[in-house]
């Protein structure tokens, strides 16, 4: 399974999400990463997820092939992707840390 991280931020921290999005866009690693928000159903606020852009790109392909489980679809058809993404995640974390420290 490919890596992802999810989190919530305190109300009024929209600038942090903007800075994270900018940091992800500036990253030049082996894997392209993105951030997306999902409104929480039972509570106020937004859940944010950072994951490889490839996962989102493959979602419609997986659905067209009869599955809504995009992560399993990727692991079956691209077995080396998760290893590459996990390795890149460490570099991404360093990049984001350095990027945000300069802000």
Foldseek 3Di string as FASTA:
>chain_A
DADKDKDFDDPPVVVVVVLLQVLQVPDDDPFRKHKDWDADDPDGGIMMMIGTVVLVVCQVVVVVVPDNPSVVVCCVPPVCVRVRNVVVVVVSVVSSVVSVVVD
